[in-house]
Amino acid sequence: NIVSVVPAQGTVGSSVTVTGNGYTASQTITIDFGENLGITSGSSTVEGSFTIFFSVNLQAYGTKIITARGPGLDSNSKLWFTIIPNIRMVTPTSGTVGSQVSVEGDGYGAGESITVRFGSNQNIVGTTTDGSGLFKVQFTVDTQPYGIRTVVGYGNSIQQSATSTVFKITQNIISVIPISGTVGTWATIRGNGYSVNTSCRISFDDHYAF
């Protein structure tokens, strides 16, 4: 008998604890998890109980069956664990408008359409997961103010999302026109990635203007 699975849901990479009893003393117990037959194994105690840990491997979104079996014995006892979406990587974690950002997510449906949202942009890029619910995609940081921005991967079929808040937009001077001139020449400076409605101080060599 499988007594408990803790937690009952989580992302790929989560640690799961399975406990059970009613097995033969000092028996090898094999844990099956969804598509992964024999994800881990351990031994029962002299009382026939066990506590075994495993890490959730890469599988698509959904509820997975967990069973525990001994040598020559198929267990009819089963419990369930639900894999949910996760943004597992955003790199780099900061940059200017125009930077290229790579995003990876897992725990989505197999072959699912994904919409990536970035800050105020609700559809900065789209992609599709592979058969294991994994996606990898790149996007270009669009014009948004300075600060931390969320990266969201939304599964259009399962209608669930995962969020990461690890990208920071930083300030950037994008042009100075003209790039040379005499004393008294007016120069036009353009920049982005600054805070909204804030004053900026321009430094020119060791002189400042407002």
Protein backbone atom coordinates (compact mmCIF):
# COMPACT_ATOMS: atom_id res chain seq x y z
CA ASN A 1 0.00 0.00 0.00
CA ILE A 2 1.24 3.49 -0.88
CA VAL A 3 0.34 5.68 2.09
CA SER A 4 1.31 9.13 0.85
CA VAL A 5 2.93 11.17 -1.90
CA VAL A 6 4.24 14.57 -0.73
CA PRO A 7 3.80 17.03 -2.31
CA ALA A 8 0.86 16.15 -4.57
CA GLN A 9 1.95 18.51 -7.33
CA GLY A 10 5.03 20.39 -8.47
CA THR A 11 7.34 21.27 -11.31
CA VAL A 12 9.93 19.21 -13.14
CA GLY A 13 12.89 18.86 -10.76
CA SER A 14 10.72 18.84 -7.61
CA SER A 15 11.63 16.41 -4.84
CA VAL A 16 8.85 13.92 -4.04
CA THR A 17 8.58 11.66 -0.98
CA VAL A 18 6.69 8.37 -1.31
CA THR A 19 5.82 6.30 1.78
CA GLY A 20 4.20 2.91 1.92
CA ASN A 21 3.68 -0.22 4.01
CA GLY A 22 2.56 -3.84 3.78
CA TYR A 23 5.60 -5.04 1.83
CA THR A 24 7.96 -7.92 2.63
CA ALA A 25 10.71 -7.11 5.11
CA SER A 26 13.96 -5.76 3.64
CA GLN A 27 12.56 -5.94 0.11
CA THR A 28 13.74 -3.85 -2.85
CA ILE A 29 10.95 -1.41 -3.76
CA THR A 30 10.86 0.07 -7.26
CA ILE A 31 8.94 3.30 -7.87
CA ASP A 32 7.27 3.92 -11.22
CA PHE A 33 6.35 7.50 -12.09
CA GLY A 34 4.25 8.23 -15.16
CA GLU A 35 6.25 7.30 -18.26
CA ASN A 36 9.34 6.56 -16.19
CA LEU A 37 9.27 2.93 -15.05
CA GLY A 38 11.81 2.55 -12.28
CA ILE A 39 12.53 6.21 -11.62
CA THR A 40 14.14 5.15 -8.33
CA SER A 41 14.26 2.30 -5.83
CA GLY A 42 14.88 1.67 -2.15
CA SER A 43 14.42 -0.95 0.53
CA SER A 44 11.59 -1.69 2.92
CA THR A 45 12.22 -1.91 6.64
CA VAL A 46 11.88 -5.05 8.73
CA GLU A 47 8.26 -3.97 9.29
CA GLY A 48 7.67 -3.84 5.53
CA SER A 49 7.32 -0.06 5.30
CA PHE A 50 9.37 2.32 3.16
CA THR A 51 10.15 5.99 2.53
CA ILE A 52 11.68 6.73 -0.87
CA PHE A 53 12.55 10.03 -2.52
CA PHE A 54 12.80 10.93 -6.20
CA SER A 55 13.12 14.02 -8.39
CA VAL A 56 10.44 14.65 -11.00
CA ASN A 57 11.97 13.97 -14.40
CA LEU A 58 11.09 15.77 -17.64
CA GLN A 59 7.54 14.82 -18.59
CA ALA A 60 4.60 16.76 -20.01
CA TYR A 61 1.94 18.50 -17.94
CA GLY A 62 -0.69 16.44 -16.18
CA THR A 63 -1.47 13.91 -13.48
CA LYS A 64 0.98 11.01 -13.32
CA ILE A 65 0.45 7.64 -11.65
CA ILE A 66 2.93 6.57 -8.96
CA THR A 67 3.19 2.86 -8.13
CA ALA A 68 5.52 0.90 -5.85
CA ARG A 69 6.42 -2.71 -6.66
CA GLY A 70 8.65 -5.40 -5.25
CA PRO A 71 10.46 -8.23 -7.11
CA GLY A 72 7.90 -10.26 -9.02
CA LEU A 73 5.06 -8.21 -7.57
CA ASP A 74 3.01 -5.62 -9.43
CA SER A 75 1.42 -3.25 -6.94
CA ASN A 76 -2.24 -2.42 -7.27
CA SER A 77 -1.70 0.49 -4.90
CA LYS A 78 -1.27 3.80 -6.63
CA LEU A 79 -1.34 7.51 -5.95
CA TRP A 80 -0.97 10.53 -8.19
CA PHE A 81 1.30 13.51 -8.73
CA THR A 82 0.48 16.46 -11.00
CA ILE A 83 3.24 18.12 -13.04
CA ILE A 84 2.66 21.85 -13.48
CA PRO A 85 4.39 24.43 -15.73
CA ASN A 86 7.63 26.13 -14.82
CA ILE A 87 9.94 28.77 -16.31
CA ARG A 88 13.26 27.08 -15.65
CA MET A 89 15.64 29.58 -17.25
CA VAL A 90 15.79 33.22 -18.32
CA THR A 91 19.17 34.41 -19.57
CA PRO A 92 20.54 36.99 -19.30
CA THR A 93 18.73 38.36 -16.23
CA SER A 94 19.21 42.02 -17.16
CA GLY A 95 19.82 44.08 -20.26
CA THR A 96 18.85 47.07 -22.34
CA VAL A 97 16.00 47.52 -24.80
CA GLY A 98 16.97 45.52 -27.88
CA SER A 99 18.74 42.77 -25.92
CA GLN A 100 18.19 39.13 -26.87
CA VAL A 101 16.70 37.00 -24.10
CA SER A 102 16.51 33.19 -24.02
CA VAL A 103 13.65 31.51 -22.16
CA GLU A 104 13.13 27.84 -21.33
CA GLY A 105 10.06 26.30 -19.76
CA ASP A 106 8.84 22.80 -18.97
CA GLY A 107 5.83 21.04 -17.52
CA TYR A 108 3.55 22.15 -20.36
CA GLY A 109 1.44 19.97 -22.62
CA ALA A 110 3.15 17.92 -25.34
CA GLY A 111 3.17 19.82 -28.64
CA GLU A 112 1.40 22.76 -27.00
CA SER A 113 1.28 26.32 -28.33
CA ILE A 114 3.00 28.71 -25.88
CA THR A 115 2.59 32.48 -25.65
CA VAL A 116 5.46 34.28 -23.92
CA ARG A 117 4.52 37.50 -22.14
CA PHE A 118 7.11 40.08 -21.10
CA GLY A 119 6.22 42.96 -18.79
CA SER A 120 3.44 44.95 -20.47
CA ASN A 121 3.77 43.00 -23.73
CA GLN A 122 1.19 40.20 -23.65
CA ASN A 123 2.57 38.39 -26.70
CA ILE A 124 6.24 39.13 -27.29
CA VAL A 125 6.86 35.75 -28.93
CA GLY A 126 5.17 32.41 -29.51
CA THR A 127 6.51 28.88 -29.76
CA THR A 128 5.54 25.20 -29.42
CA THR A 129 6.67 22.61 -26.89
CA ASP A 130 8.23 19.28 -27.78
CA GLY A 131 6.81 15.88 -26.82
CA SER A 132 8.02 16.22 -23.23
CA GLY A 133 6.38 19.62 -22.65
CA LEU A 134 9.63 21.59 -23.00
CA PHE A 135 10.09 24.82 -24.94
CA LYS A 136 13.08 27.01 -25.75
CA VAL A 137 12.65 30.39 -27.41
CA GLN A 138 14.30 33.79 -27.80
CA PHE A 139 12.83 37.29 -27.91
CA THR A 140 14.06 40.87 -28.25
CA VAL A 141 13.41 43.24 -25.33
CA ASP A 142 10.92 45.84 -26.54
CA THR A 143 10.70 49.45 -25.36
CA GLN A 144 9.55 49.44 -21.73
CA PRO A 145 10.62 51.51 -18.70
CA TYR A 146 13.48 50.74 -16.35
CA GLY A 147 12.95 48.01 -13.75
CA ILE A 148 12.10 44.37 -13.09
CA ARG A 149 9.84 42.69 -15.64
CA THR A 150 8.01 39.39 -15.42
CA VAL A 151 8.46 36.67 -18.01
CA VAL A 152 5.37 34.47 -18.34
CA GLY A 153 4.95 31.28 -20.35
CA TYR A 154 1.24 30.67 -21.02
CA GLY A 155 0.05 27.29 -22.29
CA ASN A 156 -2.81 27.94 -24.70
CA SER A 157 -4.21 24.41 -24.41
CA ILE A 158 -3.90 23.70 -20.69
CA GLN A 159 -4.65 27.39 -19.97
CA GLN A 160 -2.04 27.54 -17.24
CA SER A 161 1.06 29.67 -16.93
CA ALA A 162 4.34 29.97 -15.08
CA THR A 163 6.02 33.25 -14.18
CA SER A 164 9.60 34.33 -13.61
CA THR A 165 10.51 37.80 -12.30
CA VAL A 166 14.20 37.78 -13.02
CA PHE A 167 14.73 40.21 -15.92
CA LYS A 168 15.67 43.83 -15.26
CA ILE A 169 15.56 46.46 -18.01
CA THR A 170 18.51 48.85 -17.67
CA GLN A 171 19.16 52.31 -19.11
CA ASN A 172 20.78 52.79 -22.49
CA ILE A 173 21.87 55.70 -24.71
CA ILE A 174 20.93 54.68 -28.23
CA SER A 175 22.16 57.64 -30.29
CA VAL A 176 24.07 60.95 -30.21
CA ILE A 177 23.59 63.22 -33.26
CA PRO A 178 25.88 64.58 -34.54
CA ILE A 179 28.86 62.57 -33.35
CA SER A 180 31.28 65.48 -33.77
CA GLY A 181 31.17 69.27 -33.93
CA THR A 182 32.61 72.53 -32.77
CA VAL A 183 32.15 74.24 -29.41
CA GLY A 184 28.58 75.54 -29.31
CA THR A 185 27.15 72.76 -31.51
CA TRP A 186 23.80 71.38 -30.35
CA ALA A 187 23.68 67.61 -29.85
CA THR A 188 20.57 65.43 -29.70
CA ILE A 189 20.72 62.43 -27.38
CA ARG A 190 18.19 59.59 -27.42
CA GLY A 191 17.90 56.91 -24.79
CA ASN A 192 15.52 54.26 -23.47
CA GLY A 193 15.05 51.96 -20.50
CA TYR A 194 14.68 54.85 -18.06
CA SER A 195 11.96 55.34 -15.46
CA VAL A 196 8.70 56.96 -16.55
CA ASN A 197 8.44 60.77 -16.28
CA THR A 198 11.80 61.19 -14.60
CA SER A 199 14.42 63.89 -15.15
CA CYS A 200 17.77 62.80 -16.58
CA ARG A 201 21.16 64.42 -16.01
CA ILE A 202 23.49 64.32 -18.99
CA SER A 203 27.21 64.12 -18.35
CA PHE A 204 29.54 65.40 -21.11
CA ASP A 205 33.12 64.67 -20.20
CA ASP A 206 33.38 66.47 -16.82
CA HIS A 207 30.47 68.84 -17.40
CA TYR A 208 26.78 68.37 -16.59
CA ALA A 209 23.60 69.68 -18.15
CA PHE A 210 19.98 69.11 -17.14
